[in-house]
Each structure stands twice: as C-alpha cells, then as structure tokens.
Amino acid sequence: MDFDIDDEQRSFAEHARSFFAEQAGPEFARTLLDKPGEAAPGRAVLAELGFSSLTIPEEAGGVGVGLLNMALVAEQAGRQLAGPSLATAARVAALLEGDVERLSGVGQGRSAIAVLDGSPTYSNPSMDVVGATHFLALDGENLVLGQGDVTPCEAIDATRGLGYVTLTLSEVVLPDARARWERAEQVAAVILAAEGLGAADRVVELGIEHAKDRKAFGRQIGAFQAVKHRLVDDWVAVNQLRSLVWWAAWAADHAGEQLPIAASAAKAYCATAFESACDTLIHVLGAVGYTWEHDAHLYWRRAKVDRLLLGDETEHLAAVALRSLAAAESTPA
C-alpha cells in the first residue's frame, strides 16, 4: 500500500507553502497577543483561494478533492501558525455533507461558521469562534446551526480564536446526527494533526539552523551530543508523524473503517511530537529561547493549546487501544 503523494500534490503543497510564507507567519501571530482578532490570512482569503473549501463538493461551489490534499495544505499553514484552522473548515464540510445551499455559502465565503464542543447552552472552549457569525453544535442527538454570544478565552495561542459560546437562536439541521458528528471530529483531528506536523517541522528546522550557527567552546553546538541527539529524535518523530497524518487522511478518503484509529493515532502522536520539538528548540536556543522577542514561545503556545483541542493524547490513545481490541475480537480466528 503506497501512502506517498504524487507530483501534482507536491506542486500543490509547494504553492501553499509559498502562499502561507507570505500571508501568515509568527509576526502576524505575535500581533494578536496585543490586539485580539482573526488570525492571518483570515477566512475571506482562505475561501477566495479555495483552501477552506477543498473538501466541499464541486456542485456546492467547492474544489471537491480528498482530505489528503487538505492535509498537505494544512501542514504548510501550520508552519506559519496560520488561521483560522483548516480543521474547522474540514469539520464544517463533513457536518454539512449533502447540504448544497449551506455548503455553497461556506465555500464562497458568505458564511463564517465555527463548530462548538460541549453544550450549546454554554460550550467548552471552541476553536475559531472569534469572528464567526454562525455555529454548529450537537444538541442531544441533533445537529443544530445558529447564532450565539461569544466570550473569548485568554489568548494563550491567539491564532486559534478560542472562546465560549452560548447559542441564542438555532435550528435543527440534521436529526440523529451522532455518527456524523463523530466522523467530523475524526476528520478535524486529522487536519489539526497536519497543522501540528507543519509547525513541529518548522520548529525542528529552527533548532537545526541555530545549532549550526551558534558556537560554544570553539565548536558548533550541534556537535555536542546533548544537542544533536535531541534534534535527531525530534526530526525522526516529525517524519513518523507525517506517515501517521498521511495514513489518516488517506483512510478518510479511501478506507473509512480505518479512520477512527488512524485519526486518533495521528492526533495523539502529534501532541507529544510537537511539544517535544518545542521543548528541544528552547533548550537549544538557551537563554534567548525564553525571551519574548524570539518566535519559539509562539510555537510552544500552539503546541500547548492544540494538544487539548478535540481531545488530548490520553483520550486518543485510549480510543486507539479500545478500537484495536474490538477489531481484533471481531476478526475470525
């Protein structure tokens, strides 16, 4: 089974890499700590370029490609701490599947929809609610869409647009929507892990660059085992994470029965790999890594927040174990 990407997808990823390098980046993330708002490049730009509508069918005004293509774009967005998260876009597309009219509004940028976790009467901290005009939520077993009051959270990572929401007006979009809700969560977890992959990859690059340039005792610090071993471990972890993310995205497109395990595996491993890479970067940088002026803390903030969004690694590791055991028990001897 080949999980590699083709030349067209590589070219697409390179285009996304160039775009996010110009339109987003740590400098934009930094400004949000002092002046809260929507993260760069913003919903309108992502919709205009079609990045947020990649998984929306063509008949609804989207691009109509698989989740793997969105994961490739999300990786490049993560490198630059871009927002709003493409995980929200993928989750909305999965929740509104078959609703051509509403998906058309999302794909064309007319609707700014976020998804609420927890109770619709007062949600848990939910992603990208800052700047959203409408919200999807699970009310009992029903999927509802409506407007609400937003209370922004403390900006640990201001690019995530976290906040608490109370729906003030809503309508039932789909009854008995539990199964769709769970699949949409899994799809979002894959894309969130893809963003974490890109961010972790960039963090490792920053550590390697510094280890090559910084000298101590007449040698590059990268020559010291305490430095190079940690960087190599993180480099290996990032590439292992890439395999998990690509597998999970492929499963969403071609093998839906594998998605629950694959999505949880990618999300859980991302939490550990991304945070470890950030810790190593700060270690390699030394004192400068603790300063406000360096970008290291911006990636560290993203790692700390993302590990808790859509379930932490403990929850996802438990899901992998339970689903794997259930699959083994159901397999004939």
C-alpha atoms as a PDB file:
ATOM      1  CA  MET A   1       0.000   0.000   0.000  1.00  0.00           C
ATOM      2  CA  ASP A   2       1.516   3.319  -1.134  1.00  0.00           C
ATOM      3  CA  PHE A   3       0.786   6.379   1.011  1.00  0.00           C
ATOM      4  CA  ASP A   4       3.171   8.655  -0.903  1.00  0.00           C
ATOM      5  CA  ILE A   5       1.862  11.760  -2.684  1.00  0.00           C
ATOM      6  CA  ASP A   6       2.101  12.330  -6.422  1.00  0.00           C
ATOM      7  CA  ASP A   7       3.837  15.139  -8.325  1.00  0.00           C
ATOM      8  CA  GLU A   8       0.643  17.177  -8.664  1.00  0.00           C
ATOM      9  CA  GLN A   9       0.091  17.072  -4.915  1.00  0.00           C
ATOM     10  CA  ARG A  10       3.711  18.032  -4.266  1.00  0.00           C
ATOM     11  CA  SER A  11       3.325  21.025  -6.557  1.00  0.00           C
ATOM     12  CA  PHE A  12       0.100  21.958  -4.783  1.00  0.00           C
ATOM     13  CA  ALA A  13       1.853  21.759  -1.410  1.00  0.00           C
ATOM     14  CA  GLU A  14       4.680  23.979  -2.664  1.00  0.00           C
ATOM     15  CA  HIS A  15       2.167  26.577  -3.818  1.00  0.00           C
ATOM     16  CA  ALA A  16       0.541  26.512  -0.378  1.00  0.00           C
ATOM     17  CA  ARG A  17       3.961  26.788   1.278  1.00  0.00           C
ATOM     18  CA  SER A  18       4.781  29.959  -0.681  1.00  0.00           C
ATOM     19  CA  PHE A  19       1.369  31.476  -0.010  1.00  0.00           C
ATOM     20  CA  PHE A  20       1.396  30.983   3.752  1.00  0.00           C
ATOM     21  CA  ALA A  21       5.007  32.172   3.999  1.00  0.00           C
ATOM     22  CA  GLU A  22       3.873  35.496   2.504  1.00  0.00           C
ATOM     23  CA  GLN A  23       0.418  35.871   4.050  1.00  0.00           C
ATOM     24  CA  ALA A  24       0.955  34.485   7.557  1.00  0.00           C
ATOM     25  CA  GLY A  25       3.823  33.784   9.950  1.00  0.00           C
ATOM     26  CA  PRO A  26       4.938  34.314  13.547  1.00  0.00           C
ATOM     27  CA  GLU A  27       4.949  38.099  13.126  1.00  0.00           C
ATOM     28  CA  PHE A  28       1.187  38.016  12.499  1.00  0.00           C
ATOM     29  CA  ALA A  29       0.623  35.612  15.374  1.00  0.00           C
ATOM     30  CA  ARG A  30       2.564  37.903  17.679  1.00  0.00           C
ATOM     31  CA  THR A  31       0.370  40.933  16.951  1.00  0.00           C
ATOM     32  CA  LEU A  32      -2.733  39.031  18.073  1.00  0.00           C
ATOM     33  CA  LEU A  33      -1.359  38.745  21.601  1.00  0.00           C
ATOM     34  CA  ASP A  34      -1.679  42.514  21.960  1.00  0.00           C
ATOM     35  CA  LYS A  35      -4.607  43.086  19.605  1.00  0.00           C
ATOM     36  CA  PRO A  36      -7.006  40.114  19.500  1.00  0.00           C
ATOM     37  CA  GLY A  37      -8.787  39.382  16.252  1.00  0.00           C
ATOM     38  CA  GLU A  38      -8.882  36.896  13.408  1.00  0.00           C
ATOM     39  CA  ALA A  39      -5.626  35.156  12.574  1.00  0.00           C
ATOM     40  CA  ALA A  40      -3.894  35.705   9.247  1.00  0.00           C
ATOM     41  CA  PRO A  41      -4.593  35.122   6.420  1.00  0.00           C
ATOM     42  CA  GLY A  42      -8.240  35.040   7.559  1.00  0.00           C
ATOM     43  CA  ARG A  43     -11.447  33.371   6.435  1.00  0.00           C
ATOM     44  CA  ALA A  44     -12.053  35.575   3.407  1.00  0.00           C
ATOM     45  CA  VAL A  45      -8.652  34.903   1.865  1.00  0.00           C
ATOM     46  CA  LEU A  46      -8.771  31.167   2.568  1.00  0.00           C
ATOM     47  CA  ALA A  47     -12.204  30.998   0.923  1.00  0.00           C
ATOM     48  CA  GLU A  48     -11.122  33.096  -2.061  1.00  0.00           C
ATOM     49  CA  LEU A  49      -8.195  30.776  -2.801  1.00  0.00           C
ATOM     50  CA  GLY A  50     -10.289  27.668  -2.217  1.00  0.00           C
ATOM     51  CA  PHE A  51      -8.158  26.339   0.631  1.00  0.00           C
ATOM     52  CA  SER A  52     -11.063  26.223   3.082  1.00  0.00           C
ATOM     53  CA  SER A  53     -13.376  24.592   0.522  1.00  0.00           C
ATOM     54  CA  LEU A  54     -11.063  21.812  -0.639  1.00  0.00           C
ATOM     55  CA  THR A  55     -13.318  19.047   0.696  1.00  0.00           C
ATOM     56  CA  ILE A  56     -16.583  20.728  -0.331  1.00  0.00           C
ATOM     57  CA  PRO A  57     -18.026  19.067  -3.483  1.00  0.00           C
ATOM     58  CA  GLU A  58     -17.889  20.956  -6.767  1.00  0.00           C
ATOM     59  CA  GLU A  59     -21.695  21.048  -7.008  1.00  0.00           C
ATOM     60  CA  ALA A  60     -21.674  23.092  -3.794  1.00  0.00           C
ATOM     61  CA  GLY A  61     -19.047  25.503  -5.078  1.00  0.00           C
ATOM     62  CA  GLY A  62     -16.043  23.758  -3.550  1.00  0.00           C
ATOM     63  CA  VAL A  63     -12.905  22.216  -5.001  1.00  0.00           C
ATOM     64  CA  GLY A  64     -14.040  18.648  -4.465  1.00  0.00           C
ATOM     65  CA  VAL A  65     -10.762  16.933  -3.577  1.00  0.00           C
ATOM     66  CA  GLY A  66      -9.894  14.487  -0.811  1.00  0.00           C
ATOM     67  CA  LEU A  67      -8.808  15.101   2.746  1.00  0.00           C
ATOM     68  CA  LEU A  68      -5.202  14.229   1.885  1.00  0.00           C
ATOM     69  CA  ASN A  69      -4.976  17.353  -0.273  1.00  0.00           C
ATOM     70  CA  MET A  70      -6.299  19.453   2.580  1.00  0.00           C
ATOM     71  CA  ALA A  71      -3.806  17.818   4.953  1.00  0.00           C
ATOM     72  CA  LEU A  72      -0.966  18.900   2.647  1.00  0.00           C
ATOM     73  CA  VAL A  73      -2.224  22.490   2.717  1.00  0.00           C
ATOM     74  CA  ALA A  74      -2.792  22.338   6.477  1.00  0.00           C
ATOM     75  CA  GLU A  75       0.807  21.259   7.004  1.00  0.00           C
ATOM     76  CA  GLN A  76       2.026  24.407   5.270  1.00  0.00           C
ATOM     77  CA  ALA A  77      -0.457  26.538   7.206  1.00  0.00           C
ATOM     78  CA  GLY A  78       0.834  25.067  10.448  1.00  0.00           C
ATOM     79  CA  ARG A  79       4.419  26.009   9.591  1.00  0.00           C
ATOM     80  CA  GLN A  80       3.359  29.660   9.658  1.00  0.00           C
ATOM     81  CA  LEU A  81       0.853  29.485  12.545  1.00  0.00           C
ATOM     82  CA  ALA A  82      -1.862  30.494  10.092  1.00  0.00           C
ATOM     83  CA  GLY A  83      -5.540  30.713  10.844  1.00  0.00           C
ATOM     84  CA  PRO A  84      -8.408  30.200  11.041  1.00  0.00           C
ATOM     85  CA  SER A  85      -7.712  26.498  11.290  1.00  0.00           C
ATOM     86  CA  LEU A  86      -8.424  24.346   8.252  1.00  0.00           C
ATOM     87  CA  ALA A  87      -9.563  21.738  10.784  1.00  0.00           C
ATOM     88  CA  THR A  88     -12.664  23.875  11.312  1.00  0.00           C
ATOM     89  CA  ALA A  89     -13.266  24.080   7.562  1.00  0.00           C
ATOM     90  CA  ALA A  90     -12.934  20.306   7.174  1.00  0.00           C
ATOM     91  CA  ARG A  91     -15.233  19.695  10.135  1.00  0.00           C
ATOM     92  CA  VAL A  92     -17.914  22.051   8.818  1.00  0.00           C
ATOM     93  CA  ALA A  93     -17.772  20.394   5.390  1.00  0.00           C
ATOM     94  CA  ALA A  94     -18.211  16.958   6.974  1.00  0.00           C
ATOM     95  CA  LEU A  95     -21.104  18.088   9.184  1.00  0.00           C
ATOM     96  CA  LEU A  96     -22.995  19.785   6.346  1.00  0.00           C
ATOM     97  CA  GLU A  97     -22.378  16.995   3.835  1.00  0.00           C
ATOM     98  CA  GLY A  98     -25.229  16.930   1.305  1.00  0.00           C
ATOM     99  CA  ASP A  99     -26.485  20.416   2.255  1.00  0.00           C
ATOM    100  CA  VAL A 100     -25.586  22.137  -1.011  1.00  0.00           C
ATOM    101  CA  GLU A 101     -27.055  25.530  -0.144  1.00  0.00           C
ATOM    102  CA  ARG A 102     -25.259  25.954   3.170  1.00  0.00           C
ATOM    103  CA  LEU A 103     -22.008  24.464   1.877  1.00  0.00           C
ATOM    104  CA  SER A 104     -22.129  26.887  -1.042  1.00  0.00           C
ATOM    105  CA  GLY A 105     -22.293  29.784   1.389  1.00  0.00           C
ATOM    106  CA  VAL A 106     -19.304  28.409   3.283  1.00  0.00           C
ATOM    107  CA  GLY A 107     -17.272  27.699   0.162  1.00  0.00           C
ATOM    108  CA  GLN A 108     -17.848  31.153  -1.272  1.00  0.00           C
ATOM    109  CA  GLY A 109     -17.037  32.882   1.983  1.00  0.00           C
ATOM    110  CA  ARG A 110     -20.558  34.205   2.619  1.00  0.00           C
ATOM    111  CA  SER A 111     -20.890  32.231   5.865  1.00  0.00           C
ATOM    112  CA  ALA A 112     -18.382  32.176   8.713  1.00  0.00           C
ATOM    113  CA  ILE A 113     -19.229  29.016  10.646  1.00  0.00           C
ATOM    114  CA  ALA A 114     -17.415  27.522  13.641  1.00  0.00           C
ATOM    115  CA  VAL A 115     -18.150  24.289  15.497  1.00  0.00           C
ATOM    116  CA  LEU A 116     -18.907  24.158  19.212  1.00  0.00           C
ATOM    117  CA  ASP A 117     -17.616  21.466  21.552  1.00  0.00           C
ATOM    118  CA  GLY A 118     -19.680  20.676  24.607  1.00  0.00           C
ATOM    119  CA  SER A 119     -23.091  22.064  25.443  1.00  0.00           C
ATOM    120  CA  PRO A 120     -24.685  24.567  23.020  1.00  0.00           C
ATOM    121  CA  THR A 121     -26.074  26.442  26.031  1.00  0.00           C
ATOM    122  CA  TYR A 122     -22.504  27.240  27.140  1.00  0.00           C
ATOM    123  CA  SER A 123     -19.815  25.500  25.171  1.00  0.00           C
ATOM    124  CA  ASN A 124     -16.387  24.274  26.093  1.00  0.00           C
ATOM    125  CA  PRO A 125     -13.537  26.393  24.701  1.00  0.00           C
ATOM    126  CA  SER A 126     -14.079  26.024  20.960  1.00  0.00           C
ATOM    127  CA  MET A 127     -11.823  26.837  18.042  1.00  0.00           C
ATOM    128  CA  ASP A 128     -12.282  29.713  15.587  1.00  0.00           C
ATOM    129  CA  VAL A 129     -15.398  31.093  17.246  1.00  0.00           C
ATOM    130  CA  VAL A 130     -13.837  34.579  17.330  1.00  0.00           C
ATOM    131  CA  GLY A 131     -15.007  36.199  14.112  1.00  0.00           C
ATOM    132  CA  ALA A 132     -17.591  33.517  13.313  1.00  0.00           C
ATOM    133  CA  THR A 133     -21.205  34.526  12.676  1.00  0.00           C
ATOM    134  CA  HIS A 134     -22.879  31.112  12.976  1.00  0.00           C
ATOM    135  CA  PHE A 135     -22.163  27.957  14.950  1.00  0.00           C
ATOM    136  CA  LEU A 136     -22.786  24.247  14.525  1.00  0.00           C
ATOM    137  CA  ALA A 137     -23.364  22.191  17.677  1.00  0.00           C
ATOM    138  CA  LEU A 138     -24.659  18.813  18.800  1.00  0.00           C
ATOM    139  CA  ASP A 139     -27.794  19.323  20.888  1.00  0.00           C
ATOM    140  CA  GLY A 140     -28.654  15.904  22.261  1.00  0.00           C
ATOM    141  CA  GLU A 141     -28.600  13.777  19.116  1.00  0.00           C
ATOM    142  CA  ASN A 142     -29.441  16.627  16.736  1.00  0.00           C
ATOM    143  CA  LEU A 143     -27.092  18.798  14.720  1.00  0.00           C
ATOM    144  CA  VAL A 144     -28.116  22.424  15.112  1.00  0.00           C
ATOM    145  CA  LEU A 145     -26.970  25.647  13.458  1.00  0.00           C
ATOM    146  CA  GLY A 146     -27.474  29.089  14.895  1.00  0.00           C
ATOM    147  CA  GLN A 147     -26.148  32.349  16.194  1.00  0.00           C
ATOM    148  CA  GLY A 148     -24.681  32.925  19.625  1.00  0.00           C
ATOM    149  CA  ASP A 149     -22.850  35.092  22.111  1.00  0.00           C
ATOM    150  CA  VAL A 150     -19.079  34.635  22.195  1.00  0.00           C
ATOM    151  CA  THR A 151     -16.857  35.096  25.237  1.00  0.00           C
ATOM    152  CA  PRO A 152     -13.204  34.973  24.098  1.00  0.00           C
ATOM    153  CA  CYS A 153     -10.770  32.861  26.100  1.00  0.00           C
ATOM    154  CA  GLU A 154      -7.429  34.024  27.425  1.00  0.00           C
ATOM    155  CA  ALA A 155      -5.115  34.252  24.432  1.00  0.00           C
ATOM    156  CA  ILE A 156      -2.547  31.549  25.177  1.00  0.00           C
ATOM    157  CA  ASP A 157      -2.499  30.974  21.422  1.00  0.00           C
ATOM    158  CA  ALA A 158      -4.450  33.850  19.938  1.00  0.00           C
ATOM    159  CA  THR A 159      -4.364  32.328  16.446  1.00  0.00           C
ATOM    160  CA  ARG A 160      -6.861  29.635  17.481  1.00  0.00           C
ATOM    161  CA  GLY A 161      -9.722  32.074  18.107  1.00  0.00           C
ATOM    162  CA  LEU A 162     -10.839  30.197  21.210  1.00  0.00           C
ATOM    163  CA  GLY A 163     -13.954  31.177  23.074  1.00  0.00           C
ATOM    164  CA  TYR A 164     -17.065  30.082  24.944  1.00  0.00           C
ATOM    165  CA  VAL A 165     -20.344  30.325  23.055  1.00  0.00           C
ATOM    166  CA  THR A 166     -23.976  30.334  24.117  1.00  0.00           C
ATOM    167  CA  LEU A 167     -26.396  29.746  21.262  1.00  0.00           C
ATOM    168  CA  THR A 168     -29.172  32.340  21.264  1.00  0.00           C
ATOM    169  CA  LEU A 169     -31.053  31.152  18.190  1.00  0.00           C
ATOM    170  CA  SER A 170     -30.768  27.814  16.411  1.00  0.00           C
ATOM    171  CA  GLU A 171     -32.474  25.356  14.081  1.00  0.00           C
ATOM    172  CA  VAL A 172     -32.115  21.611  13.631  1.00  0.00           C
ATOM    173  CA  VAL A 173     -30.041  20.871  10.547  1.00  0.00           C
ATOM    174  CA  LEU A 174     -29.933  17.085  10.897  1.00  0.00           C
ATOM    175  CA  PRO A 175     -31.630  14.785  13.417  1.00  0.00           C
ATOM    176  CA  ASP A 176     -29.880  11.681  14.766  1.00  0.00           C
ATOM    177  CA  ALA A 177     -26.508  13.169  13.829  1.00  0.00           C
ATOM    178  CA  ARG A 178     -24.259  11.434  16.378  1.00  0.00           C
ATOM    179  CA  ALA A 179     -22.457   9.255  13.809  1.00  0.00           C
ATOM    180  CA  ARG A 180     -21.830  12.204  11.504  1.00  0.00           C
ATOM    181  CA  TRP A 181     -20.630  14.309  14.426  1.00  0.00           C
ATOM    182  CA  GLU A 182     -18.089  11.666  15.438  1.00  0.00           C
ATOM    183  CA  ARG A 183     -16.773  11.301  11.878  1.00  0.00           C
ATOM    184  CA  ALA A 184     -16.455  15.075  11.540  1.00  0.00           C
ATOM    185  CA  GLU A 185     -14.427  15.142  14.775  1.00  0.00           C
ATOM    186  CA  GLN A 186     -12.110  12.489  13.351  1.00  0.00           C
ATOM    187  CA  VAL A 187     -11.667  14.428  10.107  1.00  0.00           C
ATOM    188  CA  ALA A 188     -10.904  17.590  12.073  1.00  0.00           C
ATOM    189  CA  ALA A 189      -8.401  15.716  14.263  1.00  0.00           C
ATOM    190  CA  VAL A 190      -6.511  14.642  11.128  1.00  0.00           C
ATOM    191  CA  ILE A 191      -6.252  18.203   9.831  1.00  0.00           C
ATOM    192  CA  LEU A 192      -5.314  19.553  13.257  1.00  0.00           C
ATOM    193  CA  ALA A 193      -2.539  16.948  13.404  1.00  0.00           C
ATOM    194  CA  ALA A 194      -1.436  18.039   9.915  1.00  0.00           C
ATOM    195  CA  GLU A 195      -1.147  21.631  11.126  1.00  0.00           C
ATOM    196  CA  GLY A 196       0.816  20.395  14.128  1.00  0.00           C
ATOM    197  CA  LEU A 197       3.064  18.442  11.774  1.00  0.00           C
ATOM    198  CA  GLY A 198       3.925  21.570   9.823  1.00  0.00           C
ATOM    199  CA  ALA A 199       4.566  23.576  12.970  1.00  0.00           C
ATOM    200  CA  ALA A 200       6.736  20.841  14.509  1.00  0.00           C
ATOM    201  CA  ASP A 201       8.707  20.522  11.275  1.00  0.00           C
ATOM    202  CA  ARG A 202       9.412  24.255  11.315  1.00  0.00           C
ATOM    203  CA  VAL A 203      10.430  24.124  14.976  1.00  0.00           C
ATOM    204  CA  VAL A 204      12.958  21.369  14.263  1.00  0.00           C
ATOM    205  CA  GLU A 205      14.322  23.420  11.344  1.00  0.00           C
ATOM    206  CA  LEU A 206      14.805  26.431  13.633  1.00  0.00           C
ATOM    207  CA  GLY A 207      16.678  24.272  16.129  1.00  0.00           C
ATOM    208  CA  ILE A 208      18.960  22.809  13.470  1.00  0.00           C
ATOM    209  CA  GLU A 209      19.691  26.229  11.988  1.00  0.00           C
ATOM    210  CA  HIS A 210      20.668  27.596  15.389  1.00  0.00           C
ATOM    211  CA  ALA A 211      22.774  24.534  16.228  1.00  0.00           C
ATOM    212  CA  LYS A 212      24.744  25.076  13.021  1.00  0.00           C
ATOM    213  CA  ASP A 213      25.308  28.807  13.602  1.00  0.00           C
ATOM    214  CA  ARG A 214      25.878  29.023  17.360  1.00  0.00           C
ATOM    215  CA  LYS A 215      29.321  28.210  18.660  1.00  0.00           C
ATOM    216  CA  ALA A 216      30.488  27.369  22.177  1.00  0.00           C
ATOM    217  CA  PHE A 217      33.970  26.363  23.296  1.00  0.00           C
ATOM    218  CA  GLY A 218      35.151  26.831  19.730  1.00  0.00           C
ATOM    219  CA  ARG A 219      32.664  24.368  18.194  1.00  0.00           C
ATOM    220  CA  GLN A 220      29.223  24.452  16.697  1.00  0.00           C
ATOM    221  CA  ILE A 221      26.813  23.461  19.444  1.00  0.00           C
ATOM    222  CA  GLY A 222      25.288  20.919  17.056  1.00  0.00           C
ATOM    223  CA  ALA A 223      28.444  18.860  17.515  1.00  0.00           C
ATOM    224  CA  PHE A 224      27.563  18.199  21.157  1.00  0.00           C
ATOM    225  CA  GLN A 225      25.620  15.014  21.805  1.00  0.00           C
ATOM    226  CA  ALA A 226      23.206  16.664  24.234  1.00  0.00           C
ATOM    227  CA  VAL A 227      22.076  18.903  21.369  1.00  0.00           C
ATOM    228  CA  LYS A 228      22.271  16.749  18.269  1.00  0.00           C
ATOM    229  CA  HIS A 229      20.626  13.699  19.831  1.00  0.00           C
ATOM    230  CA  ARG A 230      17.568  15.691  20.841  1.00  0.00           C
ATOM    231  CA  LEU A 231      17.312  17.309  17.417  1.00  0.00           C
ATOM    232  CA  VAL A 232      17.630  13.956  15.662  1.00  0.00           C
ATOM    233  CA  ASP A 233      14.988  12.403  17.923  1.00  0.00           C
ATOM    234  CA  ASP A 234      12.581  15.212  17.073  1.00  0.00           C
ATOM    235  CA  TRP A 235      13.389  15.013  13.368  1.00  0.00           C
ATOM    236  CA  VAL A 236      12.561  11.296  13.437  1.00  0.00           C
ATOM    237  CA  ALA A 237       9.349  11.968  15.374  1.00  0.00           C
ATOM    238  CA  VAL A 238       8.223  14.564  12.823  1.00  0.00           C
ATOM    239  CA  ASN A 239       8.694  12.128   9.964  1.00  0.00           C
ATOM    240  CA  GLN A 240       6.855   9.404  11.859  1.00  0.00           C
ATOM    241  CA  LEU A 241       4.056  11.884  12.450  1.00  0.00           C
ATOM    242  CA  ARG A 242       3.949  12.665   8.729  1.00  0.00           C
ATOM    243  CA  SER A 243       3.363   8.980   7.989  1.00  0.00           C
ATOM    244  CA  LEU A 244       0.507   8.863  10.502  1.00  0.00           C
ATOM    245  CA  VAL A 245      -1.116  12.030   9.153  1.00  0.00           C
ATOM    246  CA  TRP A 246      -0.939  10.831   5.547  1.00  0.00           C
ATOM    247  CA  TRP A 247      -2.327   7.437   6.534  1.00  0.00           C
ATOM    248  CA  ALA A 248      -5.214   9.031   8.438  1.00  0.00           C
ATOM    249  CA  ALA A 249      -6.036  11.408   5.563  1.00  0.00           C
ATOM    250  CA  TRP A 250      -5.840   8.522   3.070  1.00  0.00           C
ATOM    251  CA  ALA A 251      -8.142   6.473   5.278  1.00  0.00           C
ATOM    252  CA  ALA A 252     -10.698   9.278   5.319  1.00  0.00           C
ATOM    253  CA  ASP A 253     -10.701   9.255   1.506  1.00  0.00           C
ATOM    254  CA  HIS A 254     -10.442   5.529   0.764  1.00  0.00           C
ATOM    255  CA  ALA A 255     -10.866   3.328   3.842  1.00  0.00           C
ATOM    256  CA  GLY A 256     -13.389   4.824   6.229  1.00  0.00           C
ATOM    257  CA  GLU A 257     -13.249   1.853   8.568  1.00  0.00           C
ATOM    258  CA  GLN A 258      -9.615   2.720   9.363  1.00  0.00           C
ATOM    259  CA  LEU A 259     -10.278   6.410  10.033  1.00  0.00           C
ATOM    260  CA  PRO A 260     -11.218   6.227  13.753  1.00  0.00           C
ATOM    261  CA  ILE A 261      -7.961   4.508  14.721  1.00  0.00           C
ATOM    262  CA  ALA A 262      -5.819   6.439  12.246  1.00  0.00           C
ATOM    263  CA  ALA A 263      -7.194   9.838  13.287  1.00  0.00           C
ATOM    264  CA  SER A 264      -6.697   9.151  16.992  1.00  0.00           C
ATOM    265  CA  ALA A 265      -3.184   7.800  16.401  1.00  0.00           C
ATOM    266  CA  ALA A 266      -2.188  10.912  14.443  1.00  0.00           C
ATOM    267  CA  LYS A 267      -3.725  13.311  16.965  1.00  0.00           C
ATOM    268  CA  ALA A 268      -2.153  11.577  19.974  1.00  0.00           C
ATOM    269  CA  TYR A 269       1.319  11.307  18.454  1.00  0.00           C
ATOM    270  CA  CYS A 270       1.184  14.926  17.269  1.00  0.00           C
ATOM    271  CA  ALA A 271       0.618  16.173  20.811  1.00  0.00           C
ATOM    272  CA  THR A 272       3.814  14.516  22.036  1.00  0.00           C
ATOM    273  CA  ALA A 273       5.990  15.153  18.974  1.00  0.00           C
ATOM    274  CA  PHE A 274       5.073  18.833  18.619  1.00  0.00           C
ATOM    275  CA  GLU A 275       5.560  19.689  22.284  1.00  0.00           C
ATOM    276  CA  SER A 276       8.842  17.774  22.442  1.00  0.00           C
ATOM    277  CA  ALA A 277      10.134  19.693  19.425  1.00  0.00           C
ATOM    278  CA  CYS A 278       9.253  22.995  21.109  1.00  0.00           C
ATOM    279  CA  ASP A 279      10.971  21.984  24.333  1.00  0.00           C
ATOM    280  CA  THR A 280      14.087  20.996  22.386  1.00  0.00           C
ATOM    281  CA  LEU A 281      14.136  24.280  20.493  1.00  0.00           C
ATOM    282  CA  ILE A 282      14.042  26.273  23.723  1.00  0.00           C
ATOM    283  CA  HIS A 283      16.775  24.016  25.149  1.00  0.00           C
ATOM    284  CA  VAL A 284      18.978  24.506  22.059  1.00  0.00           C
ATOM    285  CA  LEU A 285      18.438  28.258  21.973  1.00  0.00           C
ATOM    286  CA  GLY A 286      19.499  28.651  25.583  1.00  0.00           C
ATOM    287  CA  ALA A 287      18.581  31.908  27.275  1.00  0.00           C
ATOM    288  CA  VAL A 288      17.302  33.516  24.075  1.00  0.00           C
ATOM    289  CA  GLY A 289      14.653  30.800  23.847  1.00  0.00           C
ATOM    290  CA  TYR A 290      12.926  32.227  26.903  1.00  0.00           C
ATOM    291  CA  THR A 291      12.699  35.759  25.576  1.00  0.00           C
ATOM    292  CA  TRP A 292       9.567  37.432  24.255  1.00  0.00           C
ATOM    293  CA  GLU A 293      11.436  38.548  21.134  1.00  0.00           C
ATOM    294  CA  HIS A 294      12.119  35.043  19.808  1.00  0.00           C
ATOM    295  CA  ASP A 295       9.384  33.135  17.971  1.00  0.00           C
ATOM    296  CA  ALA A 296       9.910  29.951  19.984  1.00  0.00           C
ATOM    297  CA  HIS A 297       7.191  30.788  22.501  1.00  0.00           C
ATOM    298  CA  LEU A 298       4.635  31.282  19.717  1.00  0.00           C
ATOM    299  CA  TYR A 299       5.072  27.690  18.551  1.00  0.00           C
ATOM    300  CA  TRP A 300       5.183  26.490  22.177  1.00  0.00           C
ATOM    301  CA  ARG A 301       1.837  28.226  22.757  1.00  0.00           C
ATOM    302  CA  ARG A 302       0.348  26.478  19.729  1.00  0.00           C
ATOM    303  CA  ALA A 303       1.623  23.100  20.950  1.00  0.00           C
ATOM    304  CA  LYS A 304       0.183  23.587  24.440  1.00  0.00           C
ATOM    305  CA  VAL A 305      -3.246  24.567  23.127  1.00  0.00           C
ATOM    306  CA  ASP A 306      -3.505  22.048  20.292  1.00  0.00           C
ATOM    307  CA  ARG A 307      -2.763  19.055  22.489  1.00  0.00           C
ATOM    308  CA  LEU A 308      -6.060  19.734  24.323  1.00  0.00           C
ATOM    309  CA  LEU A 309      -8.260  20.560  21.329  1.00  0.00           C
ATOM    310  CA  LEU A 310     -10.514  17.769  20.018  1.00  0.00           C
ATOM    311  CA  GLY A 311      -9.343  15.509  22.847  1.00  0.00           C
ATOM    312  CA  ASP A 312      -5.922  15.145  24.456  1.00  0.00           C
ATOM    313  CA  GLU A 313      -3.441  12.355  23.756  1.00  0.00           C
ATOM    314  CA  THR A 314      -4.677  10.232  26.674  1.00  0.00           C
ATOM    315  CA  GLU A 315      -8.190  10.182  25.270  1.00  0.00           C
ATOM    316  CA  HIS A 316      -6.989   9.341  21.778  1.00  0.00           C
ATOM    317  CA  LEU A 317      -4.541   6.668  22.897  1.00  0.00           C
ATOM    318  CA  ALA A 318      -7.366   5.027  24.834  1.00  0.00           C
ATOM    319  CA  ALA A 319      -9.519   5.178  21.698  1.00  0.00           C
ATOM    320  CA  VAL A 320      -6.777   3.510  19.650  1.00  0.00           C
ATOM    321  CA  ALA A 321      -6.421   0.733  22.212  1.00  0.00           C
ATOM    322  CA  LEU A 322     -10.155   0.081  22.607  1.00  0.00           C
ATOM    323  CA  ARG A 323     -10.884   0.147  18.883  1.00  0.00           C
ATOM    324  CA  SER A 324      -7.902  -2.071  18.116  1.00  0.00           C
ATOM    325  CA  LEU A 325      -9.053  -4.616  20.696  1.00  0.00           C
ATOM    326  CA  ALA A 326     -12.609  -4.511  19.356  1.00  0.00           C
ATOM    327  CA  ALA A 327     -11.313  -5.058  15.812  1.00  0.00           C
ATOM    328  CA  ALA A 328      -9.171  -7.984  16.928  1.00  0.00           C
ATOM    329  CA  GLU A 329     -12.049  -9.617  18.787  1.00  0.00           C
ATOM    330  CA  SER A 330     -14.331  -9.326  15.772  1.00  0.00           C
ATOM    331  CA  THR A 331     -11.775 -10.894  13.432  1.00  0.00           C
ATOM    332  CA  PRO A 332     -12.372 -14.649  12.871  1.00  0.00           C
ATOM    333  CA  ALA A 333      -9.594 -16.869  14.247  1.00  0.00           C
END
